[in-house]
Amino acid sequence: LYNDVVNSARAGGRPWRPIKPGSK
């Protein structure tokens, strides 16, 4: 879900940004 840039941009309402493994 979240590493899919288009899906995240459409669902989140804010710019996509990568999530570091293990991040909170």
PDB file of all heavy atoms in Angstrom:
ATOM      1  N   LEU A   1       0.816  -1.217   0.000  1.00  0.00           N
ATOM      2  CA  LEU A   1       0.000   0.000   0.000  1.00  0.00           C
ATOM      3  C   LEU A   1       0.845   1.261   0.000  1.00  0.00           C
ATOM      4  O   LEU A   1       0.736   2.094  -0.895  1.00  0.00           O
ATOM      5  CB  LEU A   1      -0.941   0.024   1.214  1.00  0.00           C
ATOM      6  CG  LEU A   1      -2.132  -0.927   1.198  1.00  0.00           C
ATOM      7  CD1 LEU A   1      -2.972  -0.754   2.454  1.00  0.00           C
ATOM      8  CD2 LEU A   1      -2.990  -0.729  -0.035  1.00  0.00           C
ATOM      9  N   TYR A   2       1.688   1.427   0.991  1.00  0.00           N
ATOM     10  CA  TYR A   2       2.350   2.710   1.195  1.00  0.00           C
ATOM     11  C   TYR A   2       3.561   2.935   0.298  1.00  0.00           C
ATOM     12  O   TYR A   2       3.901   4.073   0.028  1.00  0.00           O
ATOM     13  CB  TYR A   2       2.710   2.874   2.673  1.00  0.00           C
ATOM     14  CG  TYR A   2       1.478   2.773   3.546  1.00  0.00           C
ATOM     15  CD1 TYR A   2       1.341   1.777   4.483  1.00  0.00           C
ATOM     16  CD2 TYR A   2       0.421   3.670   3.392  1.00  0.00           C
ATOM     17  CE1 TYR A   2       0.200   1.664   5.262  1.00  0.00           C
ATOM     18  CE2 TYR A   2      -0.724   3.569   4.170  1.00  0.00           C
ATOM     19  CZ  TYR A   2      -0.827   2.568   5.105  1.00  0.00           C
ATOM     20  OH  TYR A   2      -1.961   2.472   5.860  1.00  0.00           O
ATOM     21  N   ASN A   3       4.206   1.870  -0.187  1.00  0.00           N
ATOM     22  CA  ASN A   3       5.307   2.056  -1.126  1.00  0.00           C
ATOM     23  C   ASN A   3       4.809   2.235  -2.554  1.00  0.00           C
ATOM     24  O   ASN A   3       5.586   2.501  -3.456  1.00  0.00           O
ATOM     25  CB  ASN A   3       6.299   0.897  -1.050  1.00  0.00           C
ATOM     26  CG  ASN A   3       7.218   1.010   0.143  1.00  0.00           C
ATOM     27  OD1 ASN A   3       7.272   2.038   0.811  1.00  0.00           O
ATOM     28  ND2 ASN A   3       7.950  -0.047   0.427  1.00  0.00           N
ATOM     29  N   ASP A   4       3.526   2.081  -2.786  1.00  0.00           N
ATOM     30  CA  ASP A   4       2.899   2.333  -4.077  1.00  0.00           C
ATOM     31  C   ASP A   4       2.590   3.835  -4.135  1.00  0.00           C
ATOM     32  O   ASP A   4       1.645   4.306  -3.504  1.00  0.00           O
ATOM     33  CB  ASP A   4       1.628   1.496  -4.188  1.00  0.00           C
ATOM     34  CG  ASP A   4       0.871   1.718  -5.485  1.00  0.00           C
ATOM     35  OD1 ASP A   4       1.050   2.776  -6.135  1.00  0.00           O
ATOM     36  OD2 ASP A   4       0.065   0.851  -5.834  1.00  0.00           O
ATOM     37  N   VAL A   5       3.393   4.575  -4.870  1.00  0.00           N
ATOM     38  CA  VAL A   5       3.302   6.038  -4.873  1.00  0.00           C
ATOM     39  C   VAL A   5       1.912   6.519  -5.299  1.00  0.00           C
ATOM     40  O   VAL A   5       1.317   7.387  -4.654  1.00  0.00           O
ATOM     41  CB  VAL A   5       4.391   6.650  -5.788  1.00  0.00           C
ATOM     42  CG1 VAL A   5       4.251   8.163  -5.851  1.00  0.00           C
ATOM     43  CG2 VAL A   5       5.783   6.259  -5.310  1.00  0.00           C
ATOM     44  N   VAL A   6       1.371   5.982  -6.368  1.00  0.00           N
ATOM     45  CA  VAL A   6       0.079   6.440  -6.874  1.00  0.00           C
ATOM     46  C   VAL A   6      -1.029   6.119  -5.868  1.00  0.00           C
ATOM     47  O   VAL A   6      -1.867   6.972  -5.554  1.00  0.00           O
ATOM     48  CB  VAL A   6      -0.226   5.822  -8.260  1.00  0.00           C
ATOM     49  CG1 VAL A   6      -1.632   6.184  -8.711  1.00  0.00           C
ATOM     50  CG2 VAL A   6       0.801   6.287  -9.277  1.00  0.00           C
ATOM     51  N   ASN A   7      -1.047   4.906  -5.351  1.00  0.00           N
ATOM     52  CA  ASN A   7      -2.064   4.520  -4.379  1.00  0.00           C
ATOM     53  C   ASN A   7      -2.003   5.418  -3.141  1.00  0.00           C
ATOM     54  O   ASN A   7      -3.027   5.895  -2.653  1.00  0.00           O
ATOM     55  CB  ASN A   7      -1.876   3.053  -3.974  1.00  0.00           C
ATOM     56  CG  ASN A   7      -2.884   2.622  -2.924  1.00  0.00           C
ATOM     57  OD1 ASN A   7      -4.060   2.522  -3.200  1.00  0.00           O
ATOM     58  ND2 ASN A   7      -2.415   2.405  -1.714  1.00  0.00           N
ATOM     59  N   SER A   8      -0.802   5.645  -2.623  1.00  0.00           N
ATOM     60  CA  SER A   8      -0.659   6.487  -1.432  1.00  0.00           C
ATOM     61  C   SER A   8      -1.096   7.919  -1.698  1.00  0.00           C
ATOM     62  O   SER A   8      -1.745   8.544  -0.854  1.00  0.00           O
ATOM     63  CB  SER A   8       0.789   6.470  -0.941  1.00  0.00           C
ATOM     64  OG  SER A   8       1.071   5.251  -0.317  1.00  0.00           O
ATOM     65  N   ALA A   9      -0.755   8.447  -2.863  1.00  0.00           N
ATOM     66  CA  ALA A   9      -1.141   9.820  -3.196  1.00  0.00           C
ATOM     67  C   ALA A   9      -2.655   9.950  -3.310  1.00  0.00           C
ATOM     68  O   ALA A   9      -3.232  10.950  -2.888  1.00  0.00           O
ATOM     69  CB  ALA A   9      -0.471  10.250  -4.496  1.00  0.00           C
ATOM     70  N   ARG A  10      -3.306   8.924  -3.864  1.00  0.00           N
ATOM     71  CA  ARG A  10      -4.766   8.967  -4.023  1.00  0.00           C
ATOM     72  C   ARG A  10      -5.487   8.788  -2.696  1.00  0.00           C
ATOM     73  O   ARG A  10      -6.549   9.337  -2.490  1.00  0.00           O
ATOM     74  CB  ARG A  10      -5.213   7.894  -5.019  1.00  0.00           C
ATOM     75  CG  ARG A  10      -4.807   8.201  -6.461  1.00  0.00           C
ATOM     76  CD  ARG A  10      -5.305   7.127  -7.404  1.00  0.00           C
ATOM     77  NE  ARG A  10      -6.732   6.909  -7.310  1.00  0.00           N
ATOM     78  CZ  ARG A  10      -7.662   7.658  -7.907  1.00  0.00           C
ATOM     79  NH1 ARG A  10      -7.300   8.696  -8.648  1.00  0.00           N
ATOM     80  NH2 ARG A  10      -8.947   7.393  -7.769  1.00  0.00           N
ATOM     81  N   ALA A  11      -4.928   8.006  -1.802  1.00  0.00           N
ATOM     82  CA  ALA A  11      -5.632   7.668  -0.563  1.00  0.00           C
ATOM     83  C   ALA A  11      -5.316   8.599   0.598  1.00  0.00           C
ATOM     84  O   ALA A  11      -6.157   8.791   1.467  1.00  0.00           O
ATOM     85  CB  ALA A  11      -5.297   6.234  -0.155  1.00  0.00           C
ATOM     86  N   GLY A  12      -4.132   9.168   0.619  1.00  0.00           N
ATOM     87  CA  GLY A  12      -3.686   9.843   1.821  1.00  0.00           C
ATOM     88  C   GLY A  12      -3.985  11.309   1.952  1.00  0.00           C
ATOM     89  O   GLY A  12      -3.982  11.834   3.053  1.00  0.00           O
ATOM     90  N   GLY A  13      -4.211  11.994   0.861  1.00  0.00           N
ATOM     91  CA  GLY A  13      -4.487  13.419   0.955  1.00  0.00           C
ATOM     92  C   GLY A  13      -3.268  14.267   1.253  1.00  0.00           C
ATOM     93  O   GLY A  13      -3.394  15.432   1.621  1.00  0.00           O
ATOM     94  N   ARG A  14      -2.090  13.688   1.118  1.00  0.00           N
ATOM     95  CA  ARG A  14      -0.849  14.447   1.324  1.00  0.00           C
ATOM     96  C   ARG A  14       0.230  13.844   0.432  1.00  0.00           C
ATOM     97  O   ARG A  14       0.067  12.718  -0.058  1.00  0.00           O
ATOM     98  CB  ARG A  14      -0.435  14.426   2.789  1.00  0.00           C
ATOM     99  CG  ARG A  14      -0.218  13.050   3.342  1.00  0.00           C
ATOM    100  CD  ARG A  14       0.102  13.090   4.821  1.00  0.00           C
ATOM    101  NE  ARG A  14       0.160  11.739   5.330  1.00  0.00           N
ATOM    102  CZ  ARG A  14       0.109  11.431   6.588  1.00  0.00           C
ATOM    103  NH1 ARG A  14       0.021  12.369   7.497  1.00  0.00           N
ATOM    104  NH2 ARG A  14       0.172  10.191   6.977  1.00  0.00           N
ATOM    105  N   PRO A  15       1.318  14.543   0.194  1.00  0.00           N
ATOM    106  CA  PRO A  15       2.347  14.021  -0.704  1.00  0.00           C
ATOM    107  C   PRO A  15       2.938  12.706  -0.197  1.00  0.00           C
ATOM    108  O   PRO A  15       3.113  12.515   1.003  1.00  0.00           O
ATOM    109  CB  PRO A  15       3.419  15.116  -0.714  1.00  0.00           C
ATOM    110  CG  PRO A  15       2.744  16.334  -0.221  1.00  0.00           C
ATOM    111  CD  PRO A  15       1.658  15.876   0.700  1.00  0.00           C
ATOM    112  N   TRP A  16       3.223  11.816  -1.141  1.00  0.00           N
ATOM    113  CA  TRP A  16       3.867  10.550  -0.796  1.00  0.00           C
ATOM    114  C   TRP A  16       5.283  10.808  -0.306  1.00  0.00           C
ATOM    115  O   TRP A  16       5.962  11.716  -0.764  1.00  0.00           O
ATOM    116  CB  TRP A  16       3.924   9.632  -2.013  1.00  0.00           C
ATOM    117  CG  TRP A  16       4.618   8.339  -1.742  1.00  0.00           C
ATOM    118  CD1 TRP A  16       4.069   7.219  -1.192  1.00  0.00           C
ATOM    119  CD2 TRP A  16       5.987   8.026  -1.983  1.00  0.00           C
ATOM    120  NE1 TRP A  16       5.008   6.231  -1.078  1.00  0.00           N
ATOM    121  CE2 TRP A  16       6.199   6.701  -1.550  1.00  0.00           C
ATOM    122  CE3 TRP A  16       7.073   8.728  -2.508  1.00  0.00           C
ATOM    123  CZ2 TRP A  16       7.434   6.060  -1.646  1.00  0.00           C
ATOM    124  CZ3 TRP A  16       8.292   8.098  -2.597  1.00  0.00           C
ATOM    125  CH2 TRP A  16       8.463   6.782  -2.168  1.00  0.00           C
ATOM    126  N   ARG A  17       5.702  10.024   0.655  1.00  0.00           N
ATOM    127  CA  ARG A  17       7.095  10.037   1.093  1.00  0.00           C
ATOM    128  C   ARG A  17       7.463   8.625   1.496  1.00  0.00           C
ATOM    129  O   ARG A  17       6.613   7.875   1.978  1.00  0.00           O
ATOM    130  CB  ARG A  17       7.312  11.022   2.238  1.00  0.00           C
ATOM    131  CG  ARG A  17       6.439  10.791   3.437  1.00  0.00           C
ATOM    132  CD  ARG A  17       6.476  11.911   4.433  1.00  0.00           C
ATOM    133  NE  ARG A  17       7.817  12.194   4.898  1.00  0.00           N
ATOM    134  CZ  ARG A  17       8.125  13.215   5.678  1.00  0.00           C
ATOM    135  NH1 ARG A  17       7.174  14.030   6.090  1.00  0.00           N
ATOM    136  NH2 ARG A  17       9.345  13.414   6.069  1.00  0.00           N
ATOM    137  N   PRO A  18       8.697   8.226   1.282  1.00  0.00           N
ATOM    138  CA  PRO A  18       9.085   6.852   1.620  1.00  0.00           C
ATOM    139  C   PRO A  18       9.075   6.630   3.129  1.00  0.00           C
ATOM    140  O   PRO A  18       9.283   7.557   3.906  1.00  0.00           O
ATOM    141  CB  PRO A  18      10.507   6.729   1.051  1.00  0.00           C
ATOM    142  CG  PRO A  18      11.008   8.130   0.973  1.00  0.00           C
ATOM    143  CD  PRO A  18       9.807   9.001   0.727  1.00  0.00           C
ATOM    144  N   ILE A  19       8.808   5.391   3.507  1.00  0.00           N
ATOM    145  CA  ILE A  19       8.802   5.009   4.914  1.00  0.00           C
ATOM    146  C   ILE A  19      10.015   4.125   5.171  1.00  0.00           C
ATOM    147  O   ILE A  19      10.168   3.073   4.558  1.00  0.00           O
ATOM    148  CB  ILE A  19       7.524   4.228   5.275  1.00  0.00           C
ATOM    149  CG1 ILE A  19       6.276   5.018   4.925  1.00  0.00           C
ATOM    150  CG2 ILE A  19       7.532   3.851   6.756  1.00  0.00           C
ATOM    151  CD1 ILE A  19       5.000   4.214   5.045  1.00  0.00           C
ATOM    152  N   LYS A  20      10.854   4.548   6.080  1.00  0.00           N
ATOM    153  CA  LYS A  20      12.047   3.774   6.425  1.00  0.00           C
ATOM    154  C   LYS A  20      11.625   2.503   7.168  1.00  0.00           C
ATOM    155  O   LYS A  20      10.778   2.563   8.064  1.00  0.00           O
ATOM    156  CB  LYS A  20      12.958   4.627   7.301  1.00  0.00           C
ATOM    157  CG  LYS A  20      14.253   3.958   7.707  1.00  0.00           C
ATOM    158  CD  LYS A  20      15.141   4.917   8.469  1.00  0.00           C
ATOM    159  CE  LYS A  20      14.517   5.206   9.822  1.00  0.00           C
ATOM    160  NZ  LYS A  20      15.374   6.024  10.696  1.00  0.00           N
ATOM    161  N   PRO A  21      12.190   1.345   6.820  1.00  0.00           N
ATOM    162  CA  PRO A  21      11.860   0.122   7.561  1.00  0.00           C
ATOM    163  C   PRO A  21      12.081   0.325   9.058  1.00  0.00           C
ATOM    164  O   PRO A  21      13.070   0.902   9.490  1.00  0.00           O
ATOM    165  CB  PRO A  21      12.841  -0.916   6.993  1.00  0.00           C
ATOM    166  CG  PRO A  21      13.141  -0.417   5.614  1.00  0.00           C
ATOM    167  CD  PRO A  21      13.136   1.091   5.736  1.00  0.00           C
ATOM    168  N   GLY A  22      11.110  -0.131   9.840  1.00  0.00           N
ATOM    169  CA  GLY A  22      11.200  -0.006  11.289  1.00  0.00           C
ATOM    170  C   GLY A  22      10.786   1.341  11.839  1.00  0.00           C
ATOM    171  O   GLY A  22      10.811   1.550  13.050  1.00  0.00           O
ATOM    172  N   SER A  23      10.372   2.268  10.947  1.00  0.00           N
ATOM    173  CA  SER A  23       9.986   3.605  11.424  1.00  0.00           C
ATOM    174  C   SER A  23       8.634   3.541  12.120  1.00  0.00           C
ATOM    175  O   SER A  23       7.867   2.595  11.963  1.00  0.00           O
ATOM    176  CB  SER A  23       9.922   4.593  10.264  1.00  0.00           C
ATOM    177  OG  SER A  23       8.775   4.364   9.484  1.00  0.00           O
ATOM    178  N   LYS A  24       8.325   4.557  12.861  1.00  0.00           N
ATOM    179  CA  LYS A  24       7.055   4.654  13.569  1.00  0.00           C
ATOM    180  C   LYS A  24       6.079   5.546  12.798  1.00  0.00           C
ATOM    181  O   LYS A  24       5.325   6.302  13.391  1.00  0.00           O
ATOM    182  CB  LYS A  24       7.276   5.206  14.992  1.00  0.00           C
ATOM    183  CG  LYS A  24       8.203   4.364  15.830  1.00  0.00           C
ATOM    184  CD  LYS A  24       7.631   2.985  16.069  1.00  0.00           C
ATOM    185  CE  LYS A  24       8.568   2.172  16.950  1.00  0.00           C
ATOM    186  NZ  LYS A  24       8.224   0.767  16.964  1.00  0.00           N
TER     187      LYS A  24
END
